Amino acid sequence: MHFGTAATETAVKATDLSVYNVVYFATHGLIADDIEGLREPALVLTPPDVPDANDDGLLTASEISESLRLNADWVVLAACNTAAGSKPGAEALSGLAKSFFHAGARALLVSHWRVDSEAAAKLTTSTFDIKSRNQSMGRAEALRQAMVMQIHATPATVADVWNAYPAFWAAFSVVGEGAQ
């Protein structure tokens, strides 16, 4: 597990991710041209003090396909635009999502647009909680139930009223079921 400043491209590439059933990235996702010179989608990681060709702080789709070896039933991309195409206007799932399938993921939890970090955390942790209580339940059904819970949750604060708004939960979808 890599958190904060330890969540670098070098660390991710050096980790044997094939031993994990679930691989979870909670970061920011970019599509091509989100920043100048970025030609493909990427996950934002902690940049090194001195960037180089192997670690510039952006784990790109091609690096995921070429460098990561997964054997994961589920990869969670709790980041913005992870189901988006490889560039603006491209076919959905042609970017980061596709690269994780190439790397060995069997199912993905991805987002279709920019997401609120707190809402994403609530939704994904609820999905895992629901799934853990019923192992025979499919991932998509666990996500659906987490969405319904978020919609119907009694707000603790005035700001929590927004949790029922689709922008806070509808961005996510499960692609693939992931069973071996």
N, C-alpha and C. Protein backbone atom coordinates (compact mmCIF):
# COMPACT_ATOMS: atom_id res chain seq x y z
N MET A 1 0.84 -1.18 0.00
CA MET A 1 0.00 0.00 0.00
C MET A 1 0.89 1.24 0.00
N HIS A 2 0.49 2.18 -0.81
CA HIS A 2 1.26 3.41 -0.93
C HIS A 2 0.31 4.59 -0.75
N PHE A 3 0.63 5.45 0.23
CA PHE A 3 -0.21 6.61 0.53
C PHE A 3 0.62 7.88 0.46
N GLY A 4 -0.06 8.98 0.16
CA GLY A 4 0.57 10.30 0.19
C GLY A 4 1.82 10.35 -0.67
N THR A 5 2.90 10.84 -0.08
CA THR A 5 4.14 11.02 -0.83
C THR A 5 4.77 9.69 -1.26
N ALA A 6 4.37 8.59 -0.65
CA ALA A 6 4.89 7.27 -1.03
C ALA A 6 4.17 6.70 -2.26
N ALA A 7 3.10 7.32 -2.67
CA ALA A 7 2.33 6.84 -3.83
C ALA A 7 2.93 7.41 -5.11
N THR A 8 4.06 6.82 -5.50
CA THR A 8 4.78 7.27 -6.68
C THR A 8 4.66 6.25 -7.81
N GLU A 9 4.98 6.70 -8.99
CA GLU A 9 5.01 5.80 -10.14
C GLU A 9 6.02 4.68 -9.91
N THR A 10 7.19 5.04 -9.40
CA THR A 10 8.23 4.05 -9.14
C THR A 10 7.73 2.99 -8.17
N ALA A 11 7.08 3.40 -7.10
CA ALA A 11 6.57 2.46 -6.10
C ALA A 11 5.50 1.55 -6.69
N VAL A 12 4.58 2.12 -7.46
CA VAL A 12 3.52 1.30 -8.06
C VAL A 12 4.11 0.28 -9.03
N LYS A 13 5.02 0.72 -9.88
CA LYS A 13 5.63 -0.18 -10.86
C LYS A 13 6.47 -1.27 -10.21
N ALA A 14 7.06 -0.97 -9.04
CA ALA A 14 7.92 -1.94 -8.35
C ALA A 14 7.12 -2.94 -7.50
N THR A 15 5.86 -2.66 -7.24
CA THR A 15 5.03 -3.52 -6.41
C THR A 15 4.48 -4.68 -7.24
N ASP A 16 4.54 -5.88 -6.68
CA ASP A 16 3.95 -7.04 -7.35
C ASP A 16 2.44 -7.00 -7.11
N LEU A 17 1.74 -6.36 -8.02
CA LEU A 17 0.29 -6.20 -7.88
C LEU A 17 -0.47 -7.48 -8.21
N SER A 18 0.21 -8.47 -8.77
CA SER A 18 -0.46 -9.72 -9.15
C SER A 18 -0.91 -10.53 -7.94
N VAL A 19 -0.44 -10.19 -6.74
CA VAL A 19 -0.83 -10.94 -5.55
C VAL A 19 -2.10 -10.40 -4.90
N TYR A 20 -2.65 -9.31 -5.44
CA TYR A 20 -3.82 -8.68 -4.84
C TYR A 20 -5.08 -8.98 -5.64
N ASN A 21 -6.16 -9.31 -4.92
CA ASN A 21 -7.46 -9.52 -5.56
C ASN A 21 -8.14 -8.21 -5.88
N VAL A 22 -7.85 -7.19 -5.08
CA VAL A 22 -8.40 -5.85 -5.27
C VAL A 22 -7.24 -4.86 -5.32
N VAL A 23 -7.25 -4.04 -6.35
CA VAL A 23 -6.27 -2.96 -6.47
C VAL A 23 -7.08 -1.67 -6.53
N TYR A 24 -6.75 -0.71 -5.65
CA TYR A 24 -7.57 0.48 -5.45
C TYR A 24 -6.70 1.73 -5.63
N PHE A 25 -7.06 2.56 -6.58
CA PHE A 25 -6.39 3.84 -6.78
C PHE A 25 -7.36 4.95 -6.41
N ALA A 26 -7.01 5.74 -5.40
CA ALA A 26 -7.80 6.91 -5.01
C ALA A 26 -6.93 8.14 -5.30
N THR A 27 -7.11 8.69 -6.46
CA THR A 27 -6.28 9.79 -6.92
C THR A 27 -7.05 10.59 -7.96
N HIS A 28 -6.35 11.35 -8.76
CA HIS A 28 -7.01 12.11 -9.82
C HIS A 28 -6.69 11.47 -11.16
N GLY A 29 -7.68 11.39 -12.02
CA GLY A 29 -7.50 10.86 -13.36
C GLY A 29 -7.51 11.98 -14.39
N LEU A 30 -6.67 11.86 -15.38
CA LEU A 30 -6.60 12.85 -16.46
C LEU A 30 -6.88 12.17 -17.79
N ILE A 31 -7.47 12.91 -18.71
CA ILE A 31 -7.58 12.43 -20.08
C ILE A 31 -6.57 13.21 -20.91
N ALA A 32 -6.28 12.73 -22.09
CA ALA A 32 -5.31 13.39 -22.96
C ALA A 32 -5.66 14.86 -23.11
N ASP A 33 -4.64 15.67 -23.08
CA ASP A 33 -4.75 17.12 -23.24
C ASP A 33 -5.32 17.84 -22.03
N ASP A 34 -5.57 17.14 -20.91
CA ASP A 34 -5.95 17.84 -19.68
C ASP A 34 -4.82 18.76 -19.24
N ILE A 35 -3.59 18.32 -19.46
CA ILE A 35 -2.43 19.18 -19.24
C ILE A 35 -1.59 19.17 -20.51
N GLU A 36 -0.89 20.25 -20.74
CA GLU A 36 -0.11 20.39 -21.97
C GLU A 36 0.90 19.27 -22.12
N GLY A 37 0.91 18.64 -23.28
CA GLY A 37 1.85 17.58 -23.57
C GLY A 37 1.38 16.19 -23.21
N LEU A 38 0.27 16.06 -22.51
CA LEU A 38 -0.25 14.74 -22.14
C LEU A 38 -1.03 14.18 -23.32
N ARG A 39 -0.54 13.12 -23.90
CA ARG A 39 -1.12 12.55 -25.12
C ARG A 39 -2.04 11.35 -24.88
N GLU A 40 -2.15 10.93 -23.61
CA GLU A 40 -2.98 9.77 -23.28
C GLU A 40 -3.49 9.93 -21.85
N PRO A 41 -4.51 9.17 -21.46
CA PRO A 41 -5.01 9.28 -20.09
C PRO A 41 -3.97 8.82 -19.08
N ALA A 42 -4.12 9.31 -17.85
CA ALA A 42 -3.15 8.97 -16.80
C ALA A 42 -3.78 9.12 -15.43
N LEU A 43 -3.20 8.41 -14.48
CA LEU A 43 -3.51 8.61 -13.06
C LEU A 43 -2.41 9.49 -12.49
N VAL A 44 -2.80 10.45 -11.67
CA VAL A 44 -1.83 11.35 -11.05
C VAL A 44 -1.32 10.72 -9.76
N LEU A 45 -0.01 10.58 -9.68
CA LEU A 45 0.64 10.07 -8.48
C LEU A 45 1.58 11.15 -7.96
N THR A 46 2.27 10.88 -6.87
CA THR A 46 3.19 11.87 -6.30
C THR A 46 4.40 12.01 -7.22
N PRO A 47 4.67 13.23 -7.69
CA PRO A 47 5.83 13.41 -8.58
C PRO A 47 7.13 13.35 -7.79
N PRO A 48 8.19 12.86 -8.42
CA PRO A 48 9.49 12.84 -7.75
C PRO A 48 10.09 14.25 -7.73
N ASP A 49 11.11 14.44 -6.90
CA ASP A 49 11.81 15.72 -6.86
C ASP A 49 12.42 16.04 -8.22
N VAL A 50 12.95 15.00 -8.87
CA VAL A 50 13.53 15.16 -10.20
C VAL A 50 12.85 14.17 -11.14
N PRO A 51 11.86 14.64 -11.91
CA PRO A 51 11.15 13.74 -12.83
C PRO A 51 12.08 13.18 -13.91
N ASP A 52 11.79 11.96 -14.34
CA ASP A 52 12.53 11.38 -15.46
C ASP A 52 11.55 10.56 -16.31
N ALA A 53 12.05 9.88 -17.30
CA ALA A 53 11.19 9.13 -18.23
C ALA A 53 10.44 8.01 -17.54
N ASN A 54 11.00 7.46 -16.45
CA ASN A 54 10.35 6.35 -15.74
C ASN A 54 9.38 6.80 -14.66
N ASP A 55 9.54 8.02 -14.18
CA ASP A 55 8.67 8.52 -13.12
C ASP A 55 8.53 10.04 -13.24
N ASP A 56 7.41 10.43 -13.82
CA ASP A 56 7.09 11.86 -13.93
C ASP A 56 5.86 12.23 -13.10
N GLY A 57 5.38 11.25 -12.32
CA GLY A 57 4.20 11.47 -11.49
C GLY A 57 2.89 11.14 -12.18
N LEU A 58 2.96 10.74 -13.45
CA LEU A 58 1.76 10.37 -14.19
C LEU A 58 1.88 8.93 -14.66
N LEU A 59 1.00 8.07 -14.16
CA LEU A 59 0.96 6.67 -14.59
C LEU A 59 0.01 6.62 -15.78
N THR A 60 0.59 6.58 -16.98
CA THR A 60 -0.21 6.68 -18.21
C THR A 60 -0.81 5.33 -18.60
N ALA A 61 -1.78 5.39 -19.48
CA ALA A 61 -2.45 4.18 -19.97
C ALA A 61 -1.44 3.20 -20.57
N SER A 62 -0.50 3.69 -21.35
CA SER A 62 0.48 2.78 -21.95
C SER A 62 1.39 2.18 -20.89
N GLU A 63 1.76 2.94 -19.87
CA GLU A 63 2.58 2.39 -18.79
C GLU A 63 1.81 1.33 -18.01
N ILE A 64 0.53 1.54 -17.80
CA ILE A 64 -0.30 0.55 -17.11
C ILE A 64 -0.31 -0.74 -17.92
N SER A 65 -0.58 -0.64 -19.21
CA SER A 65 -0.62 -1.82 -20.08
C SER A 65 0.72 -2.54 -20.15
N GLU A 66 1.80 -1.78 -20.20
CA GLU A 66 3.13 -2.36 -20.41
C GLU A 66 3.83 -2.77 -19.11
N SER A 67 3.60 -2.04 -18.01
CA SER A 67 4.39 -2.24 -16.80
C SER A 67 3.69 -3.01 -15.69
N LEU A 68 2.37 -2.90 -15.61
CA LEU A 68 1.67 -3.54 -14.50
C LEU A 68 1.24 -4.94 -14.90
N ARG A 69 1.37 -5.87 -13.97
CA ARG A 69 0.88 -7.24 -14.16
C ARG A 69 -0.09 -7.50 -13.02
N LEU A 70 -1.36 -7.59 -13.38
CA LEU A 70 -2.42 -7.76 -12.40
C LEU A 70 -3.02 -9.15 -12.50
N ASN A 71 -3.61 -9.59 -11.41
CA ASN A 71 -4.43 -10.78 -11.36
C ASN A 71 -5.61 -10.45 -10.45
N ALA A 72 -6.15 -9.25 -10.67
CA ALA A 72 -7.14 -8.68 -9.76
C ALA A 72 -8.56 -8.98 -10.21
N ASP A 73 -9.37 -9.44 -9.26
CA ASP A 73 -10.79 -9.59 -9.53
C ASP A 73 -11.43 -8.23 -9.73
N TRP A 74 -10.85 -7.21 -9.07
CA TRP A 74 -11.47 -5.89 -9.11
C TRP A 74 -10.42 -4.82 -8.99
N VAL A 75 -10.44 -3.86 -9.92
CA VAL A 75 -9.62 -2.66 -9.83
C VAL A 75 -10.57 -1.49 -9.66
N VAL A 76 -10.36 -0.71 -8.61
CA VAL A 76 -11.18 0.46 -8.34
C VAL A 76 -10.38 1.69 -8.72
N LEU A 77 -10.95 2.49 -9.59
CA LEU A 77 -10.32 3.74 -10.00
C LEU A 77 -11.18 4.87 -9.46
N ALA A 78 -10.99 5.18 -8.18
CA ALA A 78 -11.75 6.24 -7.51
C ALA A 78 -11.08 7.56 -7.86
N ALA A 79 -11.25 7.93 -9.10
CA ALA A 79 -10.63 9.13 -9.65
C ALA A 79 -11.55 9.67 -10.73
N CYS A 80 -11.30 10.86 -11.16
CA CYS A 80 -12.12 11.48 -12.20
C CYS A 80 -11.87 10.86 -13.57
N ASN A 81 -12.92 10.75 -14.35
CA ASN A 81 -12.82 10.42 -15.78
C ASN A 81 -12.14 9.09 -16.10
N THR A 82 -12.18 8.10 -15.24
CA THR A 82 -11.44 6.87 -15.50
C THR A 82 -12.13 5.97 -16.52
N ALA A 83 -13.39 6.23 -16.84
CA ALA A 83 -14.06 5.49 -17.90
C ALA A 83 -14.09 6.30 -19.19
N ALA A 84 -13.54 7.50 -19.13
CA ALA A 84 -13.55 8.38 -20.29
C ALA A 84 -12.65 7.81 -21.38
N GLY A 85 -12.85 8.30 -22.58
CA GLY A 85 -12.04 7.87 -23.70
C GLY A 85 -10.60 8.33 -23.56
N SER A 86 -9.77 7.89 -24.50
CA SER A 86 -8.35 8.21 -24.44
C SER A 86 -8.07 9.68 -24.71
N LYS A 87 -9.01 10.36 -25.34
CA LYS A 87 -8.90 11.81 -25.53
C LYS A 87 -10.30 12.37 -25.68
N PRO A 88 -10.47 13.68 -25.57
CA PRO A 88 -11.82 14.25 -25.65
C PRO A 88 -12.56 13.78 -26.92
N GLY A 89 -13.78 13.31 -26.73
CA GLY A 89 -14.59 12.84 -27.84
C GLY A 89 -14.37 11.39 -28.22
N ALA A 90 -13.43 10.71 -27.57
CA ALA A 90 -13.13 9.31 -27.89
C ALA A 90 -14.18 8.38 -27.28
N GLU A 91 -14.21 7.18 -27.79
CA GLU A 91 -15.13 6.16 -27.29
C GLU A 91 -14.87 5.87 -25.82
N ALA A 92 -15.92 5.73 -25.04
CA ALA A 92 -15.78 5.43 -23.61
C ALA A 92 -15.04 4.11 -23.43
N LEU A 93 -14.36 4.00 -22.31
CA LEU A 93 -13.57 2.83 -21.92
C LEU A 93 -12.37 2.58 -22.83
N SER A 94 -12.00 3.54 -23.65
CA SER A 94 -10.85 3.33 -24.51
C SER A 94 -9.56 3.82 -23.87
N GLY A 95 -9.64 4.39 -22.69
CA GLY A 95 -8.47 4.97 -22.05
C GLY A 95 -7.94 4.14 -20.91
N LEU A 96 -7.99 4.71 -19.70
CA LEU A 96 -7.45 4.03 -18.53
C LEU A 96 -8.11 2.68 -18.29
N ALA A 97 -9.42 2.63 -18.44
CA ALA A 97 -10.13 1.38 -18.18
C ALA A 97 -9.59 0.25 -19.06
N LYS A 98 -9.45 0.53 -20.33
CA LYS A 98 -8.94 -0.48 -21.26
C LYS A 98 -7.54 -0.93 -20.88
N SER A 99 -6.70 0.00 -20.44
CA SER A 99 -5.32 -0.36 -20.09
C SER A 99 -5.29 -1.29 -18.87
N PHE A 100 -6.21 -1.10 -17.92
CA PHE A 100 -6.24 -1.99 -16.76
C PHE A 100 -6.73 -3.38 -17.15
N PHE A 101 -7.63 -3.48 -18.10
CA PHE A 101 -8.02 -4.80 -18.60
C PHE A 101 -6.83 -5.48 -19.28
N HIS A 102 -6.06 -4.74 -20.05
CA HIS A 102 -4.86 -5.28 -20.69
C HIS A 102 -3.85 -5.77 -19.66
N ALA A 103 -3.78 -5.08 -18.52
CA ALA A 103 -2.82 -5.44 -17.47
C ALA A 103 -3.28 -6.65 -16.65
N GLY A 104 -4.54 -7.06 -16.79
CA GLY A 104 -5.00 -8.26 -16.10
C GLY A 104 -6.16 -8.10 -15.15
N ALA A 105 -6.79 -6.93 -15.11
CA ALA A 105 -7.98 -6.76 -14.27
C ALA A 105 -9.16 -7.49 -14.90
N ARG A 106 -10.01 -8.07 -14.06
CA ARG A 106 -11.19 -8.76 -14.57
C ARG A 106 -12.46 -7.93 -14.43
N ALA A 107 -12.45 -6.94 -13.53
CA ALA A 107 -13.59 -6.03 -13.38
C ALA A 107 -13.05 -4.69 -12.89
N LEU A 108 -13.75 -3.64 -13.24
CA LEU A 108 -13.35 -2.29 -12.86
C LEU A 108 -14.52 -1.54 -12.26
N LEU A 109 -14.22 -0.69 -11.31
CA LEU A 109 -15.16 0.32 -10.83
C LEU A 109 -14.57 1.64 -11.31
N VAL A 110 -15.27 2.30 -12.22
CA VAL A 110 -14.74 3.49 -12.88
C VAL A 110 -15.74 4.64 -12.81
N SER A 111 -15.25 5.83 -13.14
CA SER A 111 -16.11 7.01 -13.15
C SER A 111 -16.18 7.59 -14.55
N HIS A 112 -17.32 8.17 -14.88
CA HIS A 112 -17.54 8.72 -16.21
C HIS A 112 -17.31 10.22 -16.28
N TRP A 113 -17.15 10.87 -15.15
CA TRP A 113 -16.89 12.30 -15.14
C TRP A 113 -16.19 12.67 -13.84
N ARG A 114 -15.91 13.95 -13.66
CA ARG A 114 -15.26 14.43 -12.44
C ARG A 114 -16.15 14.11 -11.24
N VAL A 115 -15.52 13.65 -10.18
CA VAL A 115 -16.27 13.23 -9.00
C VAL A 115 -15.80 13.96 -7.75
N ASP A 116 -16.70 14.12 -6.81
CA ASP A 116 -16.38 14.69 -5.51
C ASP A 116 -15.65 13.62 -4.70
N SER A 117 -14.51 13.97 -4.13
CA SER A 117 -13.68 12.99 -3.41
C SER A 117 -14.41 12.35 -2.24
N GLU A 118 -15.09 13.15 -1.44
CA GLU A 118 -15.79 12.62 -0.28
C GLU A 118 -16.93 11.69 -0.69
N ALA A 119 -17.68 12.08 -1.71
CA ALA A 119 -18.77 11.23 -2.20
C ALA A 119 -18.22 9.93 -2.77
N ALA A 120 -17.10 10.01 -3.49
CA ALA A 120 -16.48 8.81 -4.06
C ALA A 120 -16.04 7.86 -2.96
N ALA A 121 -15.46 8.40 -1.90
CA ALA A 121 -15.01 7.57 -0.78
C ALA A 121 -16.20 6.88 -0.11
N LYS A 122 -17.28 7.63 0.13
CA LYS A 122 -18.48 7.05 0.74
C LYS A 122 -19.05 5.94 -0.13
N LEU A 123 -19.15 6.21 -1.42
CA LEU A 123 -19.76 5.25 -2.34
C LEU A 123 -18.92 3.97 -2.46
N THR A 124 -17.62 4.12 -2.62
CA THR A 124 -16.79 2.93 -2.80
C THR A 124 -16.69 2.11 -1.52
N THR A 125 -16.54 2.77 -0.37
CA THR A 125 -16.47 2.00 0.88
C THR A 125 -17.80 1.32 1.18
N SER A 126 -18.90 1.98 0.87
CA SER A 126 -20.22 1.33 1.05
C SER A 126 -20.36 0.13 0.13
N THR A 127 -19.87 0.25 -1.09
CA THR A 127 -19.95 -0.86 -2.04
C THR A 127 -19.19 -2.06 -1.50
N PHE A 128 -17.98 -1.84 -0.99
CA PHE A 128 -17.19 -2.94 -0.43
C PHE A 128 -17.84 -3.52 0.81
N ASP A 129 -18.41 -2.68 1.64
CA ASP A 129 -19.10 -3.15 2.85
C ASP A 129 -20.28 -4.05 2.48
N ILE A 130 -21.08 -3.60 1.54
CA ILE A 130 -22.25 -4.38 1.10
C ILE A 130 -21.80 -5.71 0.50
N LYS A 131 -20.78 -5.67 -0.35
CA LYS A 131 -20.29 -6.88 -1.01
C LYS A 131 -19.70 -7.85 0.02
N SER A 132 -19.02 -7.32 1.04
CA SER A 132 -18.41 -8.21 2.04
C SER A 132 -19.45 -8.94 2.88
N ARG A 133 -20.63 -8.34 3.03
CA ARG A 133 -21.69 -8.98 3.81
C ARG A 133 -22.45 -10.03 3.01
N ASN A 134 -22.28 -10.02 1.68
CA ASN A 134 -22.96 -11.00 0.84
C ASN A 134 -22.04 -11.36 -0.32
N GLN A 135 -21.18 -12.35 -0.10
CA GLN A 135 -20.17 -12.73 -1.09
C GLN A 135 -20.77 -13.20 -2.42
N SER A 136 -22.00 -13.69 -2.40
CA SER A 136 -22.61 -14.17 -3.65
C SER A 136 -23.20 -13.03 -4.48
N MET A 137 -23.29 -11.85 -3.89
CA MET A 137 -23.83 -10.69 -4.62
C MET A 137 -22.82 -10.22 -5.65
N GLY A 138 -23.32 -9.83 -6.81
CA GLY A 138 -22.45 -9.29 -7.84
C GLY A 138 -21.96 -7.89 -7.49
N ARG A 139 -20.85 -7.51 -8.08
CA ARG A 139 -20.28 -6.19 -7.83
C ARG A 139 -21.21 -5.07 -8.25
N ALA A 140 -21.85 -5.22 -9.40
CA ALA A 140 -22.75 -4.17 -9.89
C ALA A 140 -23.94 -3.99 -8.94
N GLU A 141 -24.44 -5.08 -8.40
CA GLU A 141 -25.56 -4.98 -7.46
C GLU A 141 -25.10 -4.31 -6.16
N ALA A 142 -23.89 -4.61 -5.71
CA ALA A 142 -23.37 -3.95 -4.51
C ALA A 142 -23.23 -2.45 -4.74
N LEU A 143 -22.77 -2.06 -5.91
CA LEU A 143 -22.67 -0.64 -6.25
C LEU A 143 -24.06 -0.01 -6.30
N ARG A 144 -25.01 -0.69 -6.91
CA ARG A 144 -26.37 -0.16 -7.00
C ARG A 144 -26.95 0.07 -5.61
N GLN A 145 -26.76 -0.90 -4.71
CA GLN A 145 -27.26 -0.75 -3.36
C GLN A 145 -26.57 0.40 -2.62
N ALA A 146 -25.27 0.58 -2.85
CA ALA A 146 -24.55 1.70 -2.24
C ALA A 146 -25.10 3.03 -2.76
N MET A 147 -25.43 3.09 -4.03
CA MET A 147 -26.02 4.30 -4.61
C MET A 147 -27.37 4.61 -3.97
N VAL A 148 -28.19 3.58 -3.83
CA VAL A 148 -29.51 3.76 -3.22
C VAL A 148 -29.36 4.23 -1.77
N MET A 149 -28.40 3.65 -1.05
CA MET A 149 -28.16 4.08 0.34
C MET A 149 -27.76 5.56 0.38
N GLN A 150 -26.92 5.97 -0.56
CA GLN A 150 -26.48 7.36 -0.58
C GLN A 150 -27.64 8.30 -0.90
N ILE A 151 -28.50 7.88 -1.79
CA ILE A 151 -29.66 8.70 -2.16
C ILE A 151 -30.61 8.87 -0.98
N HIS A 152 -30.83 7.79 -0.23
CA HIS A 152 -31.83 7.79 0.84
C HIS A 152 -31.27 8.09 2.24
N ALA A 153 -29.96 8.33 2.33
CA ALA A 153 -29.36 8.59 3.64
C ALA A 153 -29.93 9.86 4.25
N THR A 154 -30.19 9.82 5.55
CA THR A 154 -30.66 11.01 6.26
C THR A 154 -29.49 11.97 6.41
N PRO A 155 -29.62 13.18 5.89
CA PRO A 155 -28.50 14.13 5.95
C PRO A 155 -28.18 14.53 7.39
N ALA A 156 -26.90 14.49 7.73
CA ALA A 156 -26.46 14.93 9.06
C ALA A 156 -26.24 16.44 9.07
N THR A 157 -25.94 16.99 7.90
CA THR A 157 -25.75 18.44 7.77
C THR A 157 -26.50 18.92 6.54
N VAL A 158 -26.62 20.20 6.39
CA VAL A 158 -27.27 20.77 5.20
C VAL A 158 -26.50 20.37 3.95
N ALA A 159 -25.17 20.34 4.04
CA ALA A 159 -24.35 19.96 2.88
C ALA A 159 -24.61 18.52 2.45
N ASP A 160 -24.97 17.64 3.39
CA ASP A 160 -25.23 16.24 3.08
C ASP A 160 -26.46 16.04 2.19
N VAL A 161 -27.31 17.04 2.10
CA VAL A 161 -28.48 16.94 1.22
C VAL A 161 -28.04 16.67 -0.21
N TRP A 162 -26.87 17.21 -0.59
CA TRP A 162 -26.37 17.03 -1.95
C TRP A 162 -25.99 15.59 -2.26
N ASN A 163 -25.78 14.74 -1.26
CA ASN A 163 -25.40 13.35 -1.53
C ASN A 163 -26.41 12.60 -2.37
N ALA A 164 -27.67 13.04 -2.34
CA ALA A 164 -28.70 12.38 -3.15
C ALA A 164 -28.67 12.85 -4.60
N TYR A 165 -27.98 13.93 -4.87
CA TYR A 165 -27.91 14.48 -6.23
C TYR A 165 -27.07 13.55 -7.11
N PRO A 166 -27.53 13.21 -8.32
CA PRO A 166 -26.81 12.25 -9.16
C PRO A 166 -25.34 12.57 -9.44
N ALA A 167 -24.96 13.83 -9.43
CA ALA A 167 -23.55 14.16 -9.67
C ALA A 167 -22.64 13.53 -8.63
N PHE A 168 -23.18 13.17 -7.46
CA PHE A 168 -22.39 12.62 -6.38
C PHE A 168 -22.33 11.10 -6.38
N TRP A 169 -23.15 10.43 -7.18
CA TRP A 169 -23.12 8.96 -7.17
C TRP A 169 -23.23 8.34 -8.56
N ALA A 170 -23.82 9.02 -9.50
CA ALA A 170 -24.11 8.41 -10.80
C ALA A 170 -22.91 8.29 -11.73
N ALA A 171 -21.79 8.88 -11.37
CA ALA A 171 -20.60 8.82 -12.22
C ALA A 171 -20.00 7.41 -12.30
N PHE A 172 -20.28 6.59 -11.30
CA PHE A 172 -19.61 5.30 -11.19
C PHE A 172 -20.37 4.16 -11.85
N SER A 173 -19.58 3.24 -12.41
CA SER A 173 -20.18 2.01 -12.94
C SER A 173 -19.16 0.88 -12.81
N VAL A 174 -19.70 -0.33 -12.79
CA VAL A 174 -18.87 -1.53 -12.77
C VAL A 174 -18.82 -2.04 -14.20
N VAL A 175 -17.61 -2.36 -14.63
CA VAL A 175 -17.42 -2.93 -15.97
C VAL A 175 -16.79 -4.30 -15.79
N GLY A 176 -17.50 -5.33 -16.20
CA GLY A 176 -17.05 -6.70 -16.00
C GLY A 176 -17.46 -7.18 -14.62
N GLU A 177 -17.70 -8.45 -14.49
CA GLU A 177 -18.09 -8.96 -13.18
C GLU A 177 -16.90 -9.44 -12.37
N GLY A 178 -15.88 -9.96 -13.02
CA GLY A 178 -14.62 -10.23 -12.35
C GLY A 178 -14.41 -11.60 -11.76
N ALA A 179 -15.39 -12.48 -11.82
CA ALA A 179 -15.19 -13.81 -11.26
C ALA A 179 -14.26 -14.60 -12.16
N GLN A 180 -13.42 -15.44 -11.54
CA GLN A 180 -12.50 -16.27 -12.34
C GLN A 180 -13.25 -17.42 -12.97
